[in-house]
Amino acid sequence: MIPFQPQIATVTLIASPMERLNAVTISAAQLQGALERLALLRGDLRDKPVAQALALQAFAAEEASAEHDAAAALHARIVALARWTAAHDPHRQSDAEAVIEAASRFPLSESDDGVIFEPGGFQEMILFIEELPW
């Protein structure tokens, strides 16, 4: 007789929404393109999340992004960038290219206000990118 051997179940952990968004690779060019697409929205639609979502879905489809959550990741990075800019660089004194590059790379975080870039680390990344010789 074979003694009873309990089976160990394999559990697949489902990534949190923030982990899923951070797993999507977004280039600075894609982020810039998404910002430009949102700027093309009619003035009465620019601040409407549904219009933004549809515009970003169309943009992600045109970019032929293989990333399933590309539109959501683009939107989250744009929201985090807008929040950081309003709070930490309202006069837009940082180098715009460095900010976009940092926003495409820096991990998103959650706060009580929603998705953000951790301010200190994000600023450090911008400064680091500004110093790169490219």
N, C-alpha and C. Protein backbone atom coordinates (compact mmCIF):
# COMPACT_ATOMS: atom_id res chain seq x y z
N MET A 1 0.83 -1.16 0.00
CA MET A 1 0.00 0.00 0.00
C MET A 1 0.89 1.24 0.00
N ILE A 2 0.54 2.19 -0.81
CA ILE A 2 1.30 3.43 -0.93
C ILE A 2 0.76 4.40 0.10
N PRO A 3 1.66 4.95 0.94
CA PRO A 3 1.18 5.91 1.93
C PRO A 3 0.64 7.18 1.25
N PHE A 4 -0.31 7.82 1.90
CA PHE A 4 -0.92 9.04 1.38
C PHE A 4 0.12 10.15 1.31
N GLN A 5 0.23 10.76 0.18
CA GLN A 5 1.14 11.87 -0.03
C GLN A 5 0.30 13.10 -0.38
N PRO A 6 0.26 14.08 0.48
CA PRO A 6 -0.52 15.28 0.14
C PRO A 6 0.11 15.98 -1.06
N GLN A 7 -0.72 16.46 -1.92
CA GLN A 7 -0.27 17.17 -3.10
C GLN A 7 -0.12 18.65 -2.75
N ILE A 8 0.92 19.25 -3.26
CA ILE A 8 1.12 20.69 -3.08
C ILE A 8 0.58 21.35 -4.33
N ALA A 9 -0.42 22.19 -4.15
CA ALA A 9 -1.03 22.87 -5.28
C ALA A 9 -0.13 24.01 -5.73
N THR A 10 -0.03 24.14 -7.02
CA THR A 10 0.71 25.26 -7.58
C THR A 10 -0.27 26.41 -7.74
N VAL A 11 0.08 27.53 -7.16
CA VAL A 11 -0.78 28.70 -7.23
C VAL A 11 -0.11 29.73 -8.12
N THR A 12 -0.85 30.17 -9.10
CA THR A 12 -0.35 31.22 -9.97
C THR A 12 -0.83 32.55 -9.43
N LEU A 13 0.10 33.38 -9.07
CA LEU A 13 -0.26 34.69 -8.55
C LEU A 13 -0.60 35.62 -9.71
N ILE A 14 -1.70 36.30 -9.56
CA ILE A 14 -2.10 37.27 -10.57
C ILE A 14 -1.49 38.60 -10.17
N ALA A 15 -0.85 39.23 -11.12
CA ALA A 15 -0.20 40.51 -10.85
C ALA A 15 -1.24 41.56 -10.49
N SER A 16 -0.84 42.46 -9.62
CA SER A 16 -1.72 43.56 -9.27
C SER A 16 -1.84 44.48 -10.48
N PRO A 17 -2.86 45.32 -10.50
CA PRO A 17 -2.98 46.26 -11.63
C PRO A 17 -1.72 47.12 -11.82
N MET A 18 -1.14 47.58 -10.71
CA MET A 18 0.06 48.42 -10.83
C MET A 18 1.23 47.62 -11.40
N GLU A 19 1.36 46.36 -10.99
CA GLU A 19 2.42 45.52 -11.54
C GLU A 19 2.22 45.30 -13.04
N ARG A 20 0.97 45.12 -13.44
CA ARG A 20 0.68 44.95 -14.86
C ARG A 20 1.04 46.20 -15.65
N LEU A 21 0.69 47.37 -15.11
CA LEU A 21 1.02 48.62 -15.81
C LEU A 21 2.53 48.82 -15.90
N ASN A 22 3.24 48.54 -14.82
CA ASN A 22 4.70 48.70 -14.82
C ASN A 22 5.40 47.67 -15.71
N ALA A 23 4.74 46.57 -16.00
CA ALA A 23 5.35 45.53 -16.85
C ALA A 23 5.31 45.90 -18.33
N VAL A 24 4.48 46.87 -18.70
CA VAL A 24 4.38 47.28 -20.10
C VAL A 24 5.55 48.19 -20.45
N THR A 25 6.26 47.85 -21.50
CA THR A 25 7.39 48.66 -21.96
C THR A 25 6.85 49.80 -22.83
N ILE A 26 7.13 51.02 -22.40
CA ILE A 26 6.73 52.22 -23.13
C ILE A 26 7.99 53.01 -23.44
N SER A 27 8.19 53.36 -24.69
CA SER A 27 9.35 54.17 -25.05
C SER A 27 9.01 55.65 -24.89
N ALA A 28 10.05 56.47 -24.84
CA ALA A 28 9.83 57.92 -24.78
C ALA A 28 9.10 58.39 -26.03
N ALA A 29 9.44 57.83 -27.18
CA ALA A 29 8.77 58.22 -28.43
C ALA A 29 7.28 57.87 -28.39
N GLN A 30 6.95 56.70 -27.84
CA GLN A 30 5.55 56.32 -27.73
C GLN A 30 4.80 57.24 -26.76
N LEU A 31 5.43 57.57 -25.66
CA LEU A 31 4.80 58.46 -24.69
C LEU A 31 4.59 59.84 -25.30
N GLN A 32 5.59 60.33 -26.01
CA GLN A 32 5.48 61.63 -26.68
C GLN A 32 4.36 61.59 -27.71
N GLY A 33 4.30 60.51 -28.48
CA GLY A 33 3.24 60.35 -29.47
C GLY A 33 1.86 60.33 -28.84
N ALA A 34 1.74 59.67 -27.70
CA ALA A 34 0.45 59.61 -26.99
C ALA A 34 0.06 61.00 -26.49
N LEU A 35 1.02 61.75 -25.98
CA LEU A 35 0.73 63.12 -25.53
C LEU A 35 0.28 63.99 -26.70
N GLU A 36 0.93 63.81 -27.83
CA GLU A 36 0.55 64.58 -29.02
C GLU A 36 -0.84 64.19 -29.50
N ARG A 37 -1.17 62.90 -29.40
CA ARG A 37 -2.51 62.44 -29.79
C ARG A 37 -3.57 63.07 -28.88
N LEU A 38 -3.30 63.10 -27.58
CA LEU A 38 -4.27 63.71 -26.66
C LEU A 38 -4.42 65.20 -26.91
N ALA A 39 -3.34 65.85 -27.33
CA ALA A 39 -3.40 67.29 -27.63
C ALA A 39 -4.28 67.57 -28.83
N LEU A 40 -4.50 66.57 -29.68
CA LEU A 40 -5.34 66.74 -30.86
C LEU A 40 -6.84 66.64 -30.56
N LEU A 41 -7.17 66.17 -29.34
CA LEU A 41 -8.58 66.08 -28.97
C LEU A 41 -9.20 67.48 -28.94
N ARG A 42 -10.45 67.57 -29.34
CA ARG A 42 -11.15 68.85 -29.24
C ARG A 42 -11.10 69.34 -27.81
N GLY A 43 -11.09 70.64 -27.64
CA GLY A 43 -10.99 71.25 -26.31
C GLY A 43 -12.00 70.73 -25.32
N ASP A 44 -13.24 70.50 -25.74
CA ASP A 44 -14.28 70.03 -24.82
C ASP A 44 -14.10 68.56 -24.45
N LEU A 45 -13.22 67.84 -25.15
CA LEU A 45 -12.99 66.42 -24.86
C LEU A 45 -11.68 66.15 -24.14
N ARG A 46 -10.78 67.13 -24.13
CA ARG A 46 -9.43 66.91 -23.60
C ARG A 46 -9.40 66.41 -22.16
N ASP A 47 -10.30 66.87 -21.33
CA ASP A 47 -10.30 66.47 -19.91
C ASP A 47 -11.26 65.34 -19.60
N LYS A 48 -11.79 64.69 -20.62
CA LYS A 48 -12.75 63.60 -20.43
C LYS A 48 -12.01 62.26 -20.50
N PRO A 49 -12.01 61.51 -19.39
CA PRO A 49 -11.28 60.23 -19.36
C PRO A 49 -11.70 59.25 -20.46
N VAL A 50 -12.98 59.21 -20.80
CA VAL A 50 -13.42 58.28 -21.84
C VAL A 50 -12.81 58.66 -23.19
N ALA A 51 -12.80 59.95 -23.51
CA ALA A 51 -12.20 60.40 -24.77
C ALA A 51 -10.70 60.11 -24.77
N GLN A 52 -10.04 60.33 -23.64
CA GLN A 52 -8.61 60.04 -23.54
C GLN A 52 -8.35 58.56 -23.75
N ALA A 53 -9.17 57.72 -23.09
CA ALA A 53 -8.99 56.27 -23.20
C ALA A 53 -9.16 55.81 -24.65
N LEU A 54 -10.19 56.30 -25.32
CA LEU A 54 -10.42 55.91 -26.71
C LEU A 54 -9.29 56.38 -27.62
N ALA A 55 -8.82 57.60 -27.40
CA ALA A 55 -7.71 58.11 -28.21
C ALA A 55 -6.45 57.28 -27.99
N LEU A 56 -6.19 56.90 -26.75
CA LEU A 56 -4.99 56.11 -26.45
C LEU A 56 -5.12 54.67 -26.94
N GLN A 57 -6.33 54.12 -26.92
CA GLN A 57 -6.53 52.78 -27.48
C GLN A 57 -6.24 52.81 -28.98
N ALA A 58 -6.74 53.83 -29.66
CA ALA A 58 -6.49 53.95 -31.09
C ALA A 58 -4.99 54.14 -31.37
N PHE A 59 -4.35 54.97 -30.55
CA PHE A 59 -2.92 55.20 -30.72
C PHE A 59 -2.13 53.91 -30.52
N ALA A 60 -2.45 53.15 -29.47
CA ALA A 60 -1.75 51.89 -29.20
C ALA A 60 -1.97 50.90 -30.34
N ALA A 61 -3.17 50.85 -30.88
CA ALA A 61 -3.46 49.95 -32.00
C ALA A 61 -2.66 50.35 -33.24
N GLU A 62 -2.58 51.64 -33.50
CA GLU A 62 -1.81 52.12 -34.66
C GLU A 62 -0.32 51.84 -34.50
N GLU A 63 0.14 51.88 -33.25
CA GLU A 63 1.56 51.61 -32.99
C GLU A 63 1.85 50.11 -33.07
N ALA A 64 0.78 49.32 -33.26
CA ALA A 64 0.89 47.86 -33.31
C ALA A 64 1.59 47.31 -32.08
N SER A 65 1.23 47.87 -30.95
CA SER A 65 1.83 47.44 -29.70
C SER A 65 1.38 46.02 -29.36
N ALA A 66 2.34 45.15 -29.12
CA ALA A 66 2.02 43.79 -28.73
C ALA A 66 1.62 43.71 -27.26
N GLU A 67 1.80 44.78 -26.55
CA GLU A 67 1.49 44.81 -25.13
C GLU A 67 -0.01 44.95 -24.94
N HIS A 68 -0.60 44.01 -24.24
CA HIS A 68 -2.05 43.98 -24.05
C HIS A 68 -2.55 45.22 -23.30
N ASP A 69 -1.81 45.69 -22.34
CA ASP A 69 -2.24 46.81 -21.51
C ASP A 69 -1.60 48.13 -21.92
N ALA A 70 -1.19 48.26 -23.17
CA ALA A 70 -0.44 49.44 -23.62
C ALA A 70 -1.23 50.73 -23.43
N ALA A 71 -2.49 50.75 -23.83
CA ALA A 71 -3.28 51.99 -23.71
C ALA A 71 -3.44 52.38 -22.24
N ALA A 72 -3.70 51.41 -21.39
CA ALA A 72 -3.84 51.70 -19.96
C ALA A 72 -2.53 52.18 -19.36
N ALA A 73 -1.42 51.57 -19.78
CA ALA A 73 -0.11 51.99 -19.27
C ALA A 73 0.24 53.40 -19.74
N LEU A 74 -0.07 53.72 -20.99
CA LEU A 74 0.17 55.07 -21.49
C LEU A 74 -0.65 56.08 -20.69
N HIS A 75 -1.91 55.77 -20.47
CA HIS A 75 -2.79 56.69 -19.73
C HIS A 75 -2.27 56.88 -18.30
N ALA A 76 -1.87 55.80 -17.65
CA ALA A 76 -1.37 55.89 -16.27
C ALA A 76 -0.11 56.75 -16.21
N ARG A 77 0.79 56.58 -17.17
CA ARG A 77 2.03 57.37 -17.17
C ARG A 77 1.74 58.84 -17.45
N ILE A 78 0.78 59.12 -18.31
CA ILE A 78 0.41 60.51 -18.59
C ILE A 78 -0.22 61.16 -17.36
N VAL A 79 -1.08 60.42 -16.67
CA VAL A 79 -1.70 60.95 -15.44
C VAL A 79 -0.64 61.20 -14.38
N ALA A 80 0.26 60.24 -14.18
CA ALA A 80 1.32 60.41 -13.18
C ALA A 80 2.22 61.59 -13.53
N LEU A 81 2.53 61.75 -14.81
CA LEU A 81 3.36 62.87 -15.26
C LEU A 81 2.64 64.20 -15.01
N ALA A 82 1.36 64.27 -15.32
CA ALA A 82 0.60 65.50 -15.09
C ALA A 82 0.57 65.85 -13.60
N ARG A 83 0.39 64.85 -12.77
CA ARG A 83 0.36 65.11 -11.32
C ARG A 83 1.72 65.58 -10.82
N TRP A 84 2.79 64.92 -11.28
CA TRP A 84 4.12 65.32 -10.84
C TRP A 84 4.44 66.74 -11.31
N THR A 85 4.12 67.03 -12.57
CA THR A 85 4.40 68.36 -13.12
C THR A 85 3.66 69.44 -12.35
N ALA A 86 2.38 69.22 -12.09
CA ALA A 86 1.58 70.22 -11.37
C ALA A 86 2.14 70.48 -9.97
N ALA A 87 2.62 69.44 -9.32
CA ALA A 87 3.09 69.59 -7.94
C ALA A 87 4.56 70.00 -7.83
N HIS A 88 5.40 69.58 -8.78
CA HIS A 88 6.85 69.73 -8.60
C HIS A 88 7.56 70.53 -9.69
N ASP A 89 6.89 70.80 -10.80
CA ASP A 89 7.52 71.57 -11.87
C ASP A 89 6.45 72.37 -12.63
N PRO A 90 5.66 73.16 -11.89
CA PRO A 90 4.54 73.86 -12.53
C PRO A 90 4.96 74.86 -13.59
N HIS A 91 6.19 75.36 -13.52
CA HIS A 91 6.67 76.31 -14.51
C HIS A 91 7.46 75.62 -15.62
N ARG A 92 7.47 74.31 -15.56
CA ARG A 92 8.12 73.47 -16.57
C ARG A 92 9.57 73.90 -16.84
N GLN A 93 10.33 73.92 -15.76
CA GLN A 93 11.74 74.31 -15.87
C GLN A 93 12.64 73.13 -16.19
N SER A 94 12.16 71.92 -16.00
CA SER A 94 12.96 70.73 -16.31
C SER A 94 13.04 70.55 -17.82
N ASP A 95 14.11 69.90 -18.26
CA ASP A 95 14.29 69.59 -19.67
C ASP A 95 13.17 68.65 -20.12
N ALA A 96 12.38 69.07 -21.12
CA ALA A 96 11.20 68.31 -21.54
C ALA A 96 11.55 66.90 -22.02
N GLU A 97 12.63 66.76 -22.78
CA GLU A 97 13.01 65.44 -23.27
C GLU A 97 13.40 64.51 -22.12
N ALA A 98 14.10 65.05 -21.13
CA ALA A 98 14.49 64.24 -19.97
C ALA A 98 13.26 63.83 -19.17
N VAL A 99 12.30 64.71 -19.05
CA VAL A 99 11.07 64.40 -18.31
C VAL A 99 10.32 63.28 -19.01
N ILE A 100 10.17 63.37 -20.32
CA ILE A 100 9.45 62.33 -21.08
C ILE A 100 10.20 61.00 -20.98
N GLU A 101 11.52 61.05 -21.12
CA GLU A 101 12.32 59.83 -21.00
C GLU A 101 12.14 59.20 -19.62
N ALA A 102 12.20 60.02 -18.58
CA ALA A 102 12.02 59.51 -17.22
C ALA A 102 10.62 58.94 -17.04
N ALA A 103 9.61 59.62 -17.57
CA ALA A 103 8.23 59.17 -17.43
C ALA A 103 7.99 57.84 -18.15
N SER A 104 8.77 57.56 -19.17
CA SER A 104 8.60 56.29 -19.87
C SER A 104 9.28 55.14 -19.14
N ARG A 105 10.21 55.45 -18.23
CA ARG A 105 11.01 54.42 -17.57
C ARG A 105 10.72 54.23 -16.08
N PHE A 106 10.40 55.32 -15.40
CA PHE A 106 10.29 55.27 -13.94
C PHE A 106 9.05 54.47 -13.52
N PRO A 107 9.17 53.65 -12.47
CA PRO A 107 8.01 52.86 -12.06
C PRO A 107 6.87 53.71 -11.51
N LEU A 108 5.67 53.31 -11.87
CA LEU A 108 4.47 53.95 -11.34
C LEU A 108 4.25 53.47 -9.91
N SER A 109 3.63 54.32 -9.10
CA SER A 109 3.26 53.97 -7.73
C SER A 109 1.81 54.37 -7.50
N GLU A 110 1.25 53.81 -6.44
CA GLU A 110 -0.11 54.16 -6.06
C GLU A 110 -0.08 55.06 -4.84
N SER A 111 -1.00 56.01 -4.80
CA SER A 111 -1.17 56.85 -3.62
C SER A 111 -2.66 56.99 -3.38
N ASP A 112 -3.02 57.72 -2.34
CA ASP A 112 -4.43 57.96 -2.08
C ASP A 112 -5.09 58.72 -3.22
N ASP A 113 -4.29 59.48 -3.98
CA ASP A 113 -4.81 60.26 -5.09
C ASP A 113 -4.82 59.50 -6.41
N GLY A 114 -4.30 58.30 -6.42
CA GLY A 114 -4.24 57.51 -7.64
C GLY A 114 -2.81 57.21 -8.04
N VAL A 115 -2.59 57.07 -9.33
CA VAL A 115 -1.27 56.70 -9.85
C VAL A 115 -0.35 57.93 -9.86
N ILE A 116 0.89 57.70 -9.42
CA ILE A 116 1.88 58.78 -9.33
C ILE A 116 3.26 58.24 -9.66
N PHE A 117 4.19 59.17 -9.83
CA PHE A 117 5.61 58.86 -9.78
C PHE A 117 6.09 59.31 -8.41
N GLU A 118 6.85 58.48 -7.72
CA GLU A 118 7.40 58.89 -6.42
C GLU A 118 8.25 60.11 -6.69
N PRO A 119 7.91 61.27 -6.08
CA PRO A 119 8.50 62.55 -6.48
C PRO A 119 10.02 62.64 -6.39
N GLY A 120 10.61 62.22 -5.28
CA GLY A 120 12.06 62.36 -5.13
C GLY A 120 12.83 61.52 -6.12
N GLY A 121 12.44 60.27 -6.26
CA GLY A 121 13.12 59.39 -7.19
C GLY A 121 12.93 59.80 -8.63
N PHE A 122 11.73 60.29 -8.95
CA PHE A 122 11.46 60.73 -10.32
C PHE A 122 12.32 61.94 -10.66
N GLN A 123 12.43 62.88 -9.73
CA GLN A 123 13.28 64.06 -9.95
C GLN A 123 14.74 63.65 -10.14
N GLU A 124 15.20 62.70 -9.33
CA GLU A 124 16.57 62.22 -9.47
C GLU A 124 16.80 61.61 -10.85
N MET A 125 15.82 60.84 -11.34
CA MET A 125 15.98 60.24 -12.65
C MET A 125 16.03 61.31 -13.74
N ILE A 126 15.21 62.33 -13.63
CA ILE A 126 15.24 63.42 -14.61
C ILE A 126 16.62 64.06 -14.62
N LEU A 127 17.15 64.37 -13.45
CA LEU A 127 18.47 65.00 -13.35
C LEU A 127 19.55 64.10 -13.92
N PHE A 128 19.45 62.80 -13.66
CA PHE A 128 20.41 61.84 -14.19
C PHE A 128 20.36 61.83 -15.72
N ILE A 129 19.15 61.78 -16.27
CA ILE A 129 18.99 61.75 -17.73
C ILE A 129 19.50 63.04 -18.37
N GLU A 130 19.27 64.17 -17.70
CA GLU A 130 19.77 65.45 -18.23
C GLU A 130 21.29 65.44 -18.36
N GLU A 131 21.97 64.71 -17.50
CA GLU A 131 23.43 64.68 -17.51
C GLU A 131 24.01 63.69 -18.50
N LEU A 132 23.19 62.82 -19.09
CA LEU A 132 23.69 61.84 -20.05
C LEU A 132 24.20 62.55 -21.30
N PRO A 133 25.27 62.04 -21.90
CA PRO A 133 25.87 62.73 -23.05
C PRO A 133 25.19 62.40 -24.38
N TRP A 134 23.96 62.01 -24.40
CA TRP A 134 23.25 61.71 -25.64
C TRP A 134 22.19 62.69 -25.80
